[in-house]
Structures are given as C-alpha cells and as structure tokens.
Amino acid sequence: MQLPSKKAIIAFFILIVAVHVAGLSYQWYHKLWWIDIVMHASGGFWVAMVVAYGYQLVAPQSHVSMPRWLYFSSLLGIAMIIGVVWEWGEFVSDALFFPTRFVFRMQLGLTDTMGDLLADLVGAAAYLGGRIYTRHKA
C-alpha cells in the first residue's frame, strides 16, 4: 500500500462526511445497527492515513529515524485520541441539544462508546495491516 496522496485523503474525508450527513438525515444510525461501526472504522482508517501522510512530510526533514514500533503505536494512539474526542463531542451534543429526547441521542451508553472506540482502533489497524502486507508483498 503506497502512502496516501493528499487527494485520496480529501476524497475519503468527503465520502465519510457525505455518508455521515446522509445517515443523520435518513436516520440510518437508528435503522441500521452496523452503520455506526462502519463509520467509526472508516474514521480510524482515515486518521491513520492522515498521520501517515504527516509523517511522510516530516520524515525527510528529520535526521532521526523513528523505530517501526513507535510509528505503529503512534498511528494507533492518535486514532484512539481522535476517537475519544469524537465520543466526548457526542456526549456534549446529547447533553446540550437532546437531554430528554432519546430518539435523537448519539450516546447509547458505555457499550456503544466502547464499541465505537474498538471500531476506531480496528480501522487504524486495518490501514497499518494494509501497509505492512503490501510492503512485504513488493
């Protein structure tokens, strides 16, 4: 898997946002149990792409090479941090805008939150797995 281009990152982001907006508009998140999992995994994959792209920009200017384990750990860690921030955003949104209307709430409890964070991690790990697989295949 080649490192992502800026166009690929932007295109994937637009796709994620478009599906998210459609999901909110057509209530897919309440009708399709799996859509939230796919969206979180896609988000984790996208964050890993962005971080890999960022490292690609910084690495040529750096005189210190990063150990592979640190590179992988940082991609997964940053994806998890973004996932936690997203979950906090859902929590705050529910508290401010939908305190009594459960139908519109995004946070469905601890199980939902942990599942979302796991999907974020799986998405980022899928990106890394693709990078490792194609590197060894080439």
C-alpha atoms as a PDB file:
ATOM      1  CA  MET A   1       0.000   0.000   0.000  1.00  0.00           C
ATOM      2  CA  GLN A   2       1.512   3.228  -1.143  1.00  0.00           C
ATOM      3  CA  LEU A   3       1.416   6.179   1.213  1.00  0.00           C
ATOM      4  CA  PRO A   4      -1.785   8.155   0.715  1.00  0.00           C
ATOM      5  CA  SER A   5      -1.922  11.179  -1.506  1.00  0.00           C
ATOM      6  CA  LYS A   6      -3.495  14.448  -0.436  1.00  0.00           C
ATOM      7  CA  LYS A   7      -6.300  13.869  -2.963  1.00  0.00           C
ATOM      8  CA  ALA A   8      -7.044  10.400  -1.579  1.00  0.00           C
ATOM      9  CA  ILE A   9      -7.206  11.765   1.971  1.00  0.00           C
ATOM     10  CA  ILE A  10      -9.566  14.573   0.958  1.00  0.00           C
ATOM     11  CA  ALA A  11     -11.751  12.268  -1.167  1.00  0.00           C
ATOM     12  CA  PHE A  12     -12.085   9.716   1.644  1.00  0.00           C
ATOM     13  CA  PHE A  13     -12.931  12.505   4.110  1.00  0.00           C
ATOM     14  CA  ILE A  14     -15.645  13.830   1.785  1.00  0.00           C
ATOM     15  CA  LEU A  15     -17.060  10.306   1.454  1.00  0.00           C
ATOM     16  CA  ILE A  16     -17.132   9.848   5.244  1.00  0.00           C
ATOM     17  CA  VAL A  17     -18.827  13.233   5.771  1.00  0.00           C
ATOM     18  CA  ALA A  18     -21.377  12.545   2.992  1.00  0.00           C
ATOM     19  CA  VAL A  19     -22.329   9.167   4.460  1.00  0.00           C
ATOM     20  CA  HIS A  20     -22.495  10.675   7.956  1.00  0.00           C
ATOM     21  CA  VAL A  21     -24.792  13.505   6.816  1.00  0.00           C
ATOM     22  CA  ALA A  22     -26.977  11.032   4.929  1.00  0.00           C
ATOM     23  CA  GLY A  23     -27.007   8.776   7.989  1.00  0.00           C
ATOM     24  CA  LEU A  24     -28.208  11.612  10.176  1.00  0.00           C
ATOM     25  CA  SER A  25     -30.745  12.837   7.600  1.00  0.00           C
ATOM     26  CA  TYR A  26     -32.265   9.428   6.927  1.00  0.00           C
ATOM     27  CA  GLN A  27     -31.819   8.090  10.484  1.00  0.00           C
ATOM     28  CA  TRP A  28     -29.554   5.268   9.318  1.00  0.00           C
ATOM     29  CA  TYR A  29     -27.857   5.257  12.713  1.00  0.00           C
ATOM     30  CA  HIS A  30     -31.133   4.159  14.294  1.00  0.00           C
ATOM     31  CA  LYS A  31     -32.328   1.903  11.458  1.00  0.00           C
ATOM     32  CA  LEU A  32     -29.087   0.114  10.515  1.00  0.00           C
ATOM     33  CA  TRP A  33     -27.257  -1.250  13.569  1.00  0.00           C
ATOM     34  CA  TRP A  34     -23.979  -1.702  11.686  1.00  0.00           C
ATOM     35  CA  ILE A  35     -23.608   1.768  10.123  1.00  0.00           C
ATOM     36  CA  ASP A  36     -22.055   3.278  13.276  1.00  0.00           C
ATOM     37  CA  ILE A  37     -19.423   0.519  13.318  1.00  0.00           C
ATOM     38  CA  VAL A  38     -18.548   1.098   9.653  1.00  0.00           C
ATOM     39  CA  MET A  39     -18.342   4.848  10.159  1.00  0.00           C
ATOM     40  CA  HIS A  40     -16.060   4.575  13.186  1.00  0.00           C
ATOM     41  CA  ALA A  41     -13.806   2.048  11.434  1.00  0.00           C
ATOM     42  CA  SER A  42     -13.660   4.352   8.403  1.00  0.00           C
ATOM     43  CA  GLY A  43     -12.783   7.257  10.677  1.00  0.00           C
ATOM     44  CA  GLY A  44      -9.958   5.294  12.309  1.00  0.00           C
ATOM     45  CA  PHE A  45      -8.667   4.308   8.868  1.00  0.00           C
ATOM     46  CA  TRP A  46      -8.813   7.947   7.739  1.00  0.00           C
ATOM     47  CA  VAL A  47      -6.977   9.228  10.819  1.00  0.00           C
ATOM     48  CA  ALA A  48      -4.218   6.652  10.240  1.00  0.00           C
ATOM     49  CA  MET A  49      -3.972   7.859   6.626  1.00  0.00           C
ATOM     50  CA  VAL A  50      -3.633  11.474   7.745  1.00  0.00           C
ATOM     51  CA  VAL A  51      -0.982  10.667  10.354  1.00  0.00           C
ATOM     52  CA  ALA A  52       0.990   8.554   7.852  1.00  0.00           C
ATOM     53  CA  TYR A  53       0.820  11.427   5.371  1.00  0.00           C
ATOM     54  CA  GLY A  54       2.001  13.832   8.050  1.00  0.00           C
ATOM     55  CA  TYR A  55       4.941  11.590   8.908  1.00  0.00           C
ATOM     56  CA  GLN A  56       5.742  11.398   5.199  1.00  0.00           C
ATOM     57  CA  LEU A  57       6.015  15.198   5.093  1.00  0.00           C
ATOM     58  CA  VAL A  58       8.113  15.475   8.264  1.00  0.00           C
ATOM     59  CA  ALA A  59      10.421  12.461   7.852  1.00  0.00           C
ATOM     60  CA  PRO A  60      12.621  13.821   5.030  1.00  0.00           C
ATOM     61  CA  GLN A  61      13.402  16.900   7.140  1.00  0.00           C
ATOM     62  CA  SER A  62      14.151  14.880  10.267  1.00  0.00           C
ATOM     63  CA  HIS A  63      17.614  13.498  10.905  1.00  0.00           C
ATOM     64  CA  VAL A  64      16.337  10.872  13.336  1.00  0.00           C
ATOM     65  CA  SER A  65      14.558   7.792  12.068  1.00  0.00           C
ATOM     66  CA  MET A  66      11.572   6.612  14.052  1.00  0.00           C
ATOM     67  CA  PRO A  67      11.532   2.978  15.188  1.00  0.00           C
ATOM     68  CA  ARG A  68       8.810   0.998  13.441  1.00  0.00           C
ATOM     69  CA  TRP A  69       7.080   0.052  16.724  1.00  0.00           C
ATOM     70  CA  LEU A  70       6.840   3.739  17.658  1.00  0.00           C
ATOM     71  CA  TYR A  71       5.434   4.625  14.223  1.00  0.00           C
ATOM     72  CA  PHE A  72       2.730   1.945  14.502  1.00  0.00           C
ATOM     73  CA  SER A  73       1.952   2.782  18.132  1.00  0.00           C
ATOM     74  CA  SER A  74       1.642   6.487  17.385  1.00  0.00           C
ATOM     75  CA  LEU A  75      -0.726   5.890  14.438  1.00  0.00           C
ATOM     76  CA  LEU A  76      -2.959   3.697  16.594  1.00  0.00           C
ATOM     77  CA  GLY A  77      -2.679   6.044  19.586  1.00  0.00           C
ATOM     78  CA  ILE A  78      -3.567   9.154  17.623  1.00  0.00           C
ATOM     79  CA  ALA A  79      -6.540   7.360  16.061  1.00  0.00           C
ATOM     80  CA  MET A  80      -7.716   6.439  19.558  1.00  0.00           C
ATOM     81  CA  ILE A  81      -7.278  10.000  20.838  1.00  0.00           C
ATOM     82  CA  ILE A  82      -9.377  11.332  17.947  1.00  0.00           C
ATOM     83  CA  GLY A  83     -11.969   8.623  18.694  1.00  0.00           C
ATOM     84  CA  VAL A  84     -12.154   9.690  22.348  1.00  0.00           C
ATOM     85  CA  VAL A  85     -12.529  13.342  21.336  1.00  0.00           C
ATOM     86  CA  TRP A  86     -15.345  12.335  18.952  1.00  0.00           C
ATOM     87  CA  GLU A  87     -17.098  10.418  21.740  1.00  0.00           C
ATOM     88  CA  TRP A  88     -16.823  13.452  24.017  1.00  0.00           C
ATOM     89  CA  GLY A  89     -18.355  15.516  21.214  1.00  0.00           C
ATOM     90  CA  GLU A  90     -21.284  13.106  21.011  1.00  0.00           C
ATOM     91  CA  PHE A  91     -21.716  13.266  24.781  1.00  0.00           C
ATOM     92  CA  VAL A  92     -21.676  17.072  24.879  1.00  0.00           C
ATOM     93  CA  SER A  93     -24.030  17.275  21.892  1.00  0.00           C
ATOM     94  CA  ASP A  94     -26.515  14.979  23.615  1.00  0.00           C
ATOM     95  CA  ALA A  95     -26.277  16.909  26.885  1.00  0.00           C
ATOM     96  CA  LEU A  96     -26.804  20.282  25.220  1.00  0.00           C
ATOM     97  CA  PHE A  97     -29.310  19.521  22.472  1.00  0.00           C
ATOM     98  CA  PHE A  98     -31.118  16.272  23.335  1.00  0.00           C
ATOM     99  CA  PRO A  99     -31.188  15.865  27.125  1.00  0.00           C
ATOM    100  CA  THR A 100     -34.660  14.303  27.162  1.00  0.00           C
ATOM    101  CA  ARG A 101     -35.240  13.077  23.574  1.00  0.00           C
ATOM    102  CA  PHE A 102     -33.653   9.639  23.455  1.00  0.00           C
ATOM    103  CA  VAL A 103     -34.562   9.107  19.782  1.00  0.00           C
ATOM    104  CA  PHE A 104     -32.008  11.716  18.662  1.00  0.00           C
ATOM    105  CA  ARG A 105     -29.244  10.855  21.125  1.00  0.00           C
ATOM    106  CA  MET A 106     -25.879   9.719  19.782  1.00  0.00           C
ATOM    107  CA  GLN A 107     -24.593   8.200  23.021  1.00  0.00           C
ATOM    108  CA  LEU A 108     -26.439   4.998  23.792  1.00  0.00           C
ATOM    109  CA  GLY A 109     -24.338   4.007  26.779  1.00  0.00           C
ATOM    110  CA  LEU A 110     -20.978   2.592  27.742  1.00  0.00           C
ATOM    111  CA  THR A 111     -21.295  -0.447  25.478  1.00  0.00           C
ATOM    112  CA  ASP A 112     -21.865   1.815  22.479  1.00  0.00           C
ATOM    113  CA  THR A 113     -18.890   4.010  23.395  1.00  0.00           C
ATOM    114  CA  MET A 114     -16.522   1.069  23.867  1.00  0.00           C
ATOM    115  CA  GLY A 115     -17.706  -0.478  20.598  1.00  0.00           C
ATOM    116  CA  ASP A 116     -17.109   2.822  18.797  1.00  0.00           C
ATOM    117  CA  LEU A 117     -13.589   3.096  20.185  1.00  0.00           C
ATOM    118  CA  LEU A 118     -12.853  -0.502  19.241  1.00  0.00           C
ATOM    119  CA  ALA A 119     -14.067   0.200  15.691  1.00  0.00           C
ATOM    120  CA  ASP A 120     -11.762   3.258  15.554  1.00  0.00           C
ATOM    121  CA  LEU A 121      -8.852   1.048  16.585  1.00  0.00           C
ATOM    122  CA  VAL A 122      -9.775  -1.674  14.082  1.00  0.00           C
ATOM    123  CA  GLY A 123      -9.950   0.895  11.272  1.00  0.00           C
ATOM    124  CA  ALA A 124      -6.497   2.271  12.089  1.00  0.00           C
ATOM    125  CA  ALA A 125      -5.107  -1.257  12.457  1.00  0.00           C
ATOM    126  CA  ALA A 126      -6.603  -2.174   9.061  1.00  0.00           C
ATOM    127  CA  TYR A 127      -4.703   0.712   7.492  1.00  0.00           C
ATOM    128  CA  LEU A 128      -1.477  -0.421   9.150  1.00  0.00           C
ATOM    129  CA  GLY A 129      -2.144  -4.031   8.177  1.00  0.00           C
ATOM    130  CA  GLY A 130      -2.561  -2.960   4.569  1.00  0.00           C
ATOM    131  CA  ARG A 131       0.704  -1.027   4.714  1.00  0.00           C
ATOM    132  CA  ILE A 132       2.577  -3.998   6.189  1.00  0.00           C
ATOM    133  CA  TYR A 133       1.048  -6.502   3.764  1.00  0.00           C
ATOM    134  CA  THR A 134       1.822  -4.508   0.645  1.00  0.00           C
ATOM    135  CA  ARG A 135       5.322  -3.628   1.851  1.00  0.00           C
ATOM    136  CA  HIS A 136       6.186  -7.304   2.305  1.00  0.00           C
ATOM    137  CA  LYS A 137       4.482  -8.276  -0.933  1.00  0.00           C
ATOM    138  CA  ALA A 138       6.511  -5.804  -3.013  1.00  0.00           C
END
